[in-house]
Amino acid sequence: MVLVFGQDQVFLGEFTFEDGALRQSILSSKGEEMLGLHVARWMTRGIPMTRGFVAKKSQSEISYQEYIQPRDPEAIMAAYRWFQDHQLFAVDLVEVLIPYWQRLLRLPFEPQERLAIVLALRATYRESLTEWETCFSEVERAHTIELGAYEKAKAKATKKASQAIAQGFAKK
């Protein structure tokens, strides 16, 4: 799986490749806004990729653009080059890290924090991944408690507002 982030480090989407071929793309709402049309074009026209060579006689560099079909084994290379050309940051995740990524998406982190954690996960030795389990569990517990307090405060405010409105109508 390849995760793609924008220049502002906001998560844009995930792309799944198998034997180099693009099998699936899932875009975030921001990714749909920024990449949606491009990815749709990839599916119909192919992924644009610039290639080049040096002409022997003139020693001049010649470049051209070709379209790599998503099912082609070179699709992954074309996509990485496209991401780079568009100043996007692509991070590959091995299969064992995908559950951590899915869990991370549900946690209330800022984009920069989420990207930093993904990079740290990639650098973590497999035998140390359980430490991330503990860390994520602590964040989930804290978030649940905070969310519970938020919901209670929201319900109290809504009830108070309802009562104030009802009293206002009763006075008329």
C-alpha atoms as a PDB file:
ATOM      1  CA  MET A   1       0.000   0.000   0.000  1.00  0.00           C
ATOM      2  CA  VAL A   2       1.194   3.505  -0.822  1.00  0.00           C
ATOM      3  CA  LEU A   3      -0.036   6.440   1.252  1.00  0.00           C
ATOM      4  CA  VAL A   4      -0.014   9.859  -0.377  1.00  0.00           C
ATOM      5  CA  PHE A   5       0.257  13.154   1.488  1.00  0.00           C
ATOM      6  CA  GLY A   6       0.047  16.714   0.188  1.00  0.00           C
ATOM      7  CA  GLN A   7       2.606  19.470   0.641  1.00  0.00           C
ATOM      8  CA  ASP A   8       0.761  20.467   3.811  1.00  0.00           C
ATOM      9  CA  GLN A   9       1.172  16.856   5.052  1.00  0.00           C
ATOM     10  CA  VAL A  10      -2.565  16.210   4.861  1.00  0.00           C
ATOM     11  CA  PHE A  11      -3.442  12.623   3.944  1.00  0.00           C
ATOM     12  CA  LEU A  12      -4.827  12.460   0.398  1.00  0.00           C
ATOM     13  CA  GLY A  13      -5.313   8.772  -0.258  1.00  0.00           C
ATOM     14  CA  GLU A  14      -4.040   5.242  -0.391  1.00  0.00           C
ATOM     15  CA  PHE A  15      -3.120   3.255  -3.459  1.00  0.00           C
ATOM     16  CA  THR A  16      -2.813  -0.506  -3.532  1.00  0.00           C
ATOM     17  CA  PHE A  17      -0.479  -2.110  -6.049  1.00  0.00           C
ATOM     18  CA  GLU A  18      -0.044  -5.790  -6.804  1.00  0.00           C
ATOM     19  CA  ASP A  19       2.952  -6.888  -8.881  1.00  0.00           C
ATOM     20  CA  GLY A  20       3.377  -3.234  -9.876  1.00  0.00           C
ATOM     21  CA  ALA A  21      -0.182  -2.863 -11.187  1.00  0.00           C
ATOM     22  CA  LEU A  22      -2.634  -0.461  -9.566  1.00  0.00           C
ATOM     23  CA  ARG A  23      -5.431  -2.484  -7.976  1.00  0.00           C
ATOM     24  CA  GLN A  24      -7.262   0.085  -5.889  1.00  0.00           C
ATOM     25  CA  SER A  25      -7.262   3.752  -4.960  1.00  0.00           C
ATOM     26  CA  ILE A  26      -9.141   5.255  -2.036  1.00  0.00           C
ATOM     27  CA  LEU A  27      -9.040   9.025  -1.681  1.00  0.00           C
ATOM     28  CA  SER A  28      -9.806  11.129   1.378  1.00  0.00           C
ATOM     29  CA  SER A  29     -12.188  14.057   0.920  1.00  0.00           C
ATOM     30  CA  LYS A  30      -9.184  16.378   0.459  1.00  0.00           C
ATOM     31  CA  GLY A  31      -7.642  13.802  -1.893  1.00  0.00           C
ATOM     32  CA  GLU A  32     -10.834  13.623  -3.926  1.00  0.00           C
ATOM     33  CA  GLU A  33     -10.745  17.394  -4.249  1.00  0.00           C
ATOM     34  CA  MET A  34      -7.070  17.515  -5.278  1.00  0.00           C
ATOM     35  CA  LEU A  35      -6.519  14.200  -7.088  1.00  0.00           C
ATOM     36  CA  GLY A  36      -9.939  12.878  -8.040  1.00  0.00           C
ATOM     37  CA  LEU A  37      -9.946  14.037 -11.654  1.00  0.00           C
ATOM     38  CA  HIS A  38      -6.352  12.922 -12.207  1.00  0.00           C
ATOM     39  CA  VAL A  39      -6.958   9.445 -10.805  1.00  0.00           C
ATOM     40  CA  ALA A  40     -10.146   9.123 -12.883  1.00  0.00           C
ATOM     41  CA  ARG A  41      -8.089   9.994 -15.989  1.00  0.00           C
ATOM     42  CA  TRP A  42      -5.512   7.387 -14.988  1.00  0.00           C
ATOM     43  CA  MET A  43      -8.213   4.745 -15.207  1.00  0.00           C
ATOM     44  CA  THR A  44      -9.217   5.717 -18.733  1.00  0.00           C
ATOM     45  CA  ARG A  45      -6.038   7.082 -20.349  1.00  0.00           C
ATOM     46  CA  GLY A  46      -3.299   5.701 -18.129  1.00  0.00           C
ATOM     47  CA  ILE A  47      -0.793   7.298 -15.767  1.00  0.00           C
ATOM     48  CA  PRO A  48       1.311   9.922 -17.570  1.00  0.00           C
ATOM     49  CA  MET A  49       5.014   9.237 -17.268  1.00  0.00           C
ATOM     50  CA  THR A  50       7.846  11.232 -18.770  1.00  0.00           C
ATOM     51  CA  ARG A  51      10.672   9.191 -20.222  1.00  0.00           C
ATOM     52  CA  GLY A  52      13.850  10.323 -21.847  1.00  0.00           C
ATOM     53  CA  PHE A  53      16.982   9.261 -23.671  1.00  0.00           C
ATOM     54  CA  VAL A  54      20.102  10.841 -25.108  1.00  0.00           C
ATOM     55  CA  ALA A  55      20.381  10.912 -28.901  1.00  0.00           C
ATOM     56  CA  LYS A  56      23.731   9.364 -29.882  1.00  0.00           C
ATOM     57  CA  LYS A  57      24.658  11.701 -32.722  1.00  0.00           C
ATOM     58  CA  SER A  58      23.629  15.033 -31.258  1.00  0.00           C
ATOM     59  CA  GLN A  59      24.131  14.105 -27.582  1.00  0.00           C
ATOM     60  CA  SER A  60      20.924  15.979 -26.857  1.00  0.00           C
ATOM     61  CA  GLU A  61      18.419  14.749 -24.353  1.00  0.00           C
ATOM     62  CA  ILE A  62      15.024  13.870 -25.730  1.00  0.00           C
ATOM     63  CA  SER A  63      12.057  13.411 -23.458  1.00  0.00           C
ATOM     64  CA  TYR A  64       8.548  12.266 -24.210  1.00  0.00           C
ATOM     65  CA  GLN A  65       5.433  11.394 -22.295  1.00  0.00           C
ATOM     66  CA  GLU A  66       3.671   8.087 -22.457  1.00  0.00           C
ATOM     67  CA  TYR A  67       0.683   6.715 -20.617  1.00  0.00           C
ATOM     68  CA  ILE A  68       1.127   3.614 -18.497  1.00  0.00           C
ATOM     69  CA  GLN A  69      -2.050   1.596 -18.046  1.00  0.00           C
ATOM     70  CA  PRO A  70      -3.013   0.995 -14.389  1.00  0.00           C
ATOM     71  CA  ARG A  71      -2.902  -2.789 -14.894  1.00  0.00           C
ATOM     72  CA  ASP A  72       0.651  -2.591 -16.293  1.00  0.00           C
ATOM     73  CA  PRO A  73       3.471  -3.736 -13.953  1.00  0.00           C
ATOM     74  CA  GLU A  74       5.104  -0.302 -14.459  1.00  0.00           C
ATOM     75  CA  ALA A  75       2.071   1.504 -13.003  1.00  0.00           C
ATOM     76  CA  ILE A  76       3.679   1.758  -9.579  1.00  0.00           C
ATOM     77  CA  MET A  77       6.755   3.438 -11.036  1.00  0.00           C
ATOM     78  CA  ALA A  78       4.596   5.818 -13.093  1.00  0.00           C
ATOM     79  CA  ALA A  79       2.477   6.687 -10.045  1.00  0.00           C
ATOM     80  CA  TYR A  80       5.532   7.379  -7.868  1.00  0.00           C
ATOM     81  CA  ARG A  81       6.969   9.610 -10.567  1.00  0.00           C
ATOM     82  CA  TRP A  82       3.622  11.397 -10.951  1.00  0.00           C
ATOM     83  CA  PHE A  83       3.419  11.967  -7.183  1.00  0.00           C
ATOM     84  CA  GLN A  84       6.960  13.361  -7.199  1.00  0.00           C
ATOM     85  CA  ASP A  85       6.294  15.594 -10.218  1.00  0.00           C
ATOM     86  CA  HIS A  86       3.263  17.026  -8.402  1.00  0.00           C
ATOM     87  CA  GLN A  87       5.234  17.574  -5.181  1.00  0.00           C
ATOM     88  CA  LEU A  88       3.272  14.971  -3.228  1.00  0.00           C
ATOM     89  CA  PHE A  89       4.807  12.727  -0.601  1.00  0.00           C
ATOM     90  CA  ALA A  90       4.308   8.980  -1.102  1.00  0.00           C
ATOM     91  CA  VAL A  91       5.010   6.484   1.684  1.00  0.00           C
ATOM     92  CA  ASP A  92       4.932   2.751   1.104  1.00  0.00           C
ATOM     93  CA  LEU A  93       3.607   0.540   3.887  1.00  0.00           C
ATOM     94  CA  VAL A  94       4.334  -3.145   4.204  1.00  0.00           C
ATOM     95  CA  GLU A  95       1.360  -5.386   4.937  1.00  0.00           C
ATOM     96  CA  VAL A  96       2.135  -5.820   8.640  1.00  0.00           C
ATOM     97  CA  LEU A  97       1.776  -2.043   9.184  1.00  0.00           C
ATOM     98  CA  ILE A  98      -1.609  -1.629   7.510  1.00  0.00           C
ATOM     99  CA  PRO A  99      -3.640  -2.394  10.674  1.00  0.00           C
ATOM    100  CA  TYR A 100      -1.620   0.276  12.524  1.00  0.00           C
ATOM    101  CA  TRP A 101      -2.364   2.771   9.767  1.00  0.00           C
ATOM    102  CA  GLN A 102      -6.085   1.962   9.842  1.00  0.00           C
ATOM    103  CA  ARG A 103      -6.103   2.415  13.602  1.00  0.00           C
ATOM    104  CA  LEU A 104      -4.141   5.670  13.314  1.00  0.00           C
ATOM    105  CA  LEU A 105      -6.751   7.091  10.934  1.00  0.00           C
ATOM    106  CA  ARG A 106      -9.403   6.787  13.664  1.00  0.00           C
ATOM    107  CA  LEU A 107      -7.338   8.696  16.220  1.00  0.00           C
ATOM    108  CA  PRO A 108      -7.469  12.498  16.655  1.00  0.00           C
ATOM    109  CA  PHE A 109      -4.029  13.466  15.366  1.00  0.00           C
ATOM    110  CA  GLU A 110      -3.043  16.524  13.358  1.00  0.00           C
ATOM    111  CA  PRO A 111      -1.834  15.779   9.797  1.00  0.00           C
ATOM    112  CA  GLN A 112       1.825  16.422  10.684  1.00  0.00           C
ATOM    113  CA  GLU A 113       1.570  14.128  13.714  1.00  0.00           C
ATOM    114  CA  ARG A 114      -0.085  11.376  11.668  1.00  0.00           C
ATOM    115  CA  LEU A 115       2.647  11.517   9.018  1.00  0.00           C
ATOM    116  CA  ALA A 116       5.390  11.509  11.672  1.00  0.00           C
ATOM    117  CA  ILE A 117       3.838   8.445  13.311  1.00  0.00           C
ATOM    118  CA  VAL A 118       3.620   6.627   9.968  1.00  0.00           C
ATOM    119  CA  LEU A 119       7.289   7.334   9.326  1.00  0.00           C
ATOM    120  CA  ALA A 120       8.157   6.178  12.845  1.00  0.00           C
ATOM    121  CA  LEU A 121       6.117   2.985  12.361  1.00  0.00           C
ATOM    122  CA  ARG A 122       8.070   2.236   9.195  1.00  0.00           C
ATOM    123  CA  ALA A 123      11.333   2.635  11.123  1.00  0.00           C
ATOM    124  CA  THR A 124      10.194   0.401  13.998  1.00  0.00           C
ATOM    125  CA  TYR A 125      11.615  -3.112  14.226  1.00  0.00           C
ATOM    126  CA  ARG A 126       8.874  -5.729  13.915  1.00  0.00           C
ATOM    127  CA  GLU A 127       9.500  -7.071  17.416  1.00  0.00           C
ATOM    128  CA  SER A 128       8.899  -3.572  18.837  1.00  0.00           C
ATOM    129  CA  LEU A 129       5.533  -2.980  17.171  1.00  0.00           C
ATOM    130  CA  THR A 130       3.686  -4.051  20.329  1.00  0.00           C
ATOM    131  CA  GLU A 131       4.866  -0.812  21.929  1.00  0.00           C
ATOM    132  CA  TRP A 132       2.765   1.025  19.340  1.00  0.00           C
ATOM    133  CA  GLU A 133      -0.237  -1.114  20.351  1.00  0.00           C
ATOM    134  CA  THR A 134       0.142   0.177  23.901  1.00  0.00           C
ATOM    135  CA  CYS A 135       0.584   3.763  22.737  1.00  0.00           C
ATOM    136  CA  PHE A 136      -2.488   3.661  20.480  1.00  0.00           C
ATOM    137  CA  SER A 137      -4.572   2.053  23.248  1.00  0.00           C
ATOM    138  CA  GLU A 138      -3.654   4.878  25.620  1.00  0.00           C
ATOM    139  CA  VAL A 139      -4.619   7.492  23.046  1.00  0.00           C
ATOM    140  CA  GLU A 140      -7.915   5.688  22.344  1.00  0.00           C
ATOM    141  CA  ARG A 141      -8.746   5.542  26.065  1.00  0.00           C
ATOM    142  CA  ALA A 142      -7.937   9.233  26.566  1.00  0.00           C
ATOM    143  CA  HIS A 143      -9.937  10.177  23.469  1.00  0.00           C
ATOM    144  CA  THR A 144     -12.942   8.124  24.626  1.00  0.00           C
ATOM    145  CA  ILE A 145     -12.914   9.782  28.049  1.00  0.00           C
ATOM    146  CA  GLU A 146     -12.578  13.241  26.507  1.00  0.00           C
ATOM    147  CA  LEU A 147     -15.258  12.474  23.942  1.00  0.00           C
ATOM    148  CA  GLY A 148     -17.555  11.287  26.729  1.00  0.00           C
ATOM    149  CA  ALA A 149     -17.005  14.531  28.649  1.00  0.00           C
ATOM    150  CA  TYR A 150     -17.649  16.494  25.449  1.00  0.00           C
ATOM    151  CA  GLU A 151     -20.901  14.629  24.775  1.00  0.00           C
ATOM    152  CA  LYS A 152     -22.093  15.251  28.368  1.00  0.00           C
ATOM    153  CA  ALA A 153     -21.263  18.965  28.140  1.00  0.00           C
ATOM    154  CA  LYS A 154     -22.975  19.197  24.754  1.00  0.00           C
ATOM    155  CA  ALA A 155     -26.119  17.459  26.075  1.00  0.00           C
ATOM    156  CA  LYS A 156     -26.184  19.782  29.094  1.00  0.00           C
ATOM    157  CA  ALA A 157     -25.834  22.878  26.894  1.00  0.00           C
ATOM    158  CA  THR A 158     -28.540  21.635  24.519  1.00  0.00           C
ATOM    159  CA  LYS A 159     -30.885  20.907  27.433  1.00  0.00           C
ATOM    160  CA  LYS A 160     -30.225  24.333  28.926  1.00  0.00           C
ATOM    161  CA  ALA A 161     -30.870  25.999  25.563  1.00  0.00           C
ATOM    162  CA  SER A 162     -34.120  24.037  25.158  1.00  0.00           C
ATOM    163  CA  GLN A 163     -35.256  25.074  28.631  1.00  0.00           C
ATOM    164  CA  ALA A 164     -34.415  28.717  27.981  1.00  0.00           C
ATOM    165  CA  ILE A 165     -36.356  28.651  24.708  1.00  0.00           C
ATOM    166  CA  ALA A 166     -39.321  26.925  26.407  1.00  0.00           C
ATOM    167  CA  GLN A 167     -39.313  29.514  29.201  1.00  0.00           C
ATOM    168  CA  GLY A 168     -39.153  32.286  26.620  1.00  0.00           C
ATOM    169  CA  PHE A 169     -42.240  30.919  24.869  1.00  0.00           C
ATOM    170  CA  ALA A 170     -44.026  30.429  28.190  1.00  0.00           C
ATOM    171  CA  LYS A 171     -43.588  34.116  29.098  1.00  0.00           C
ATOM    172  CA  LYS A 172     -45.406  35.309  25.980  1.00  0.00           C
END
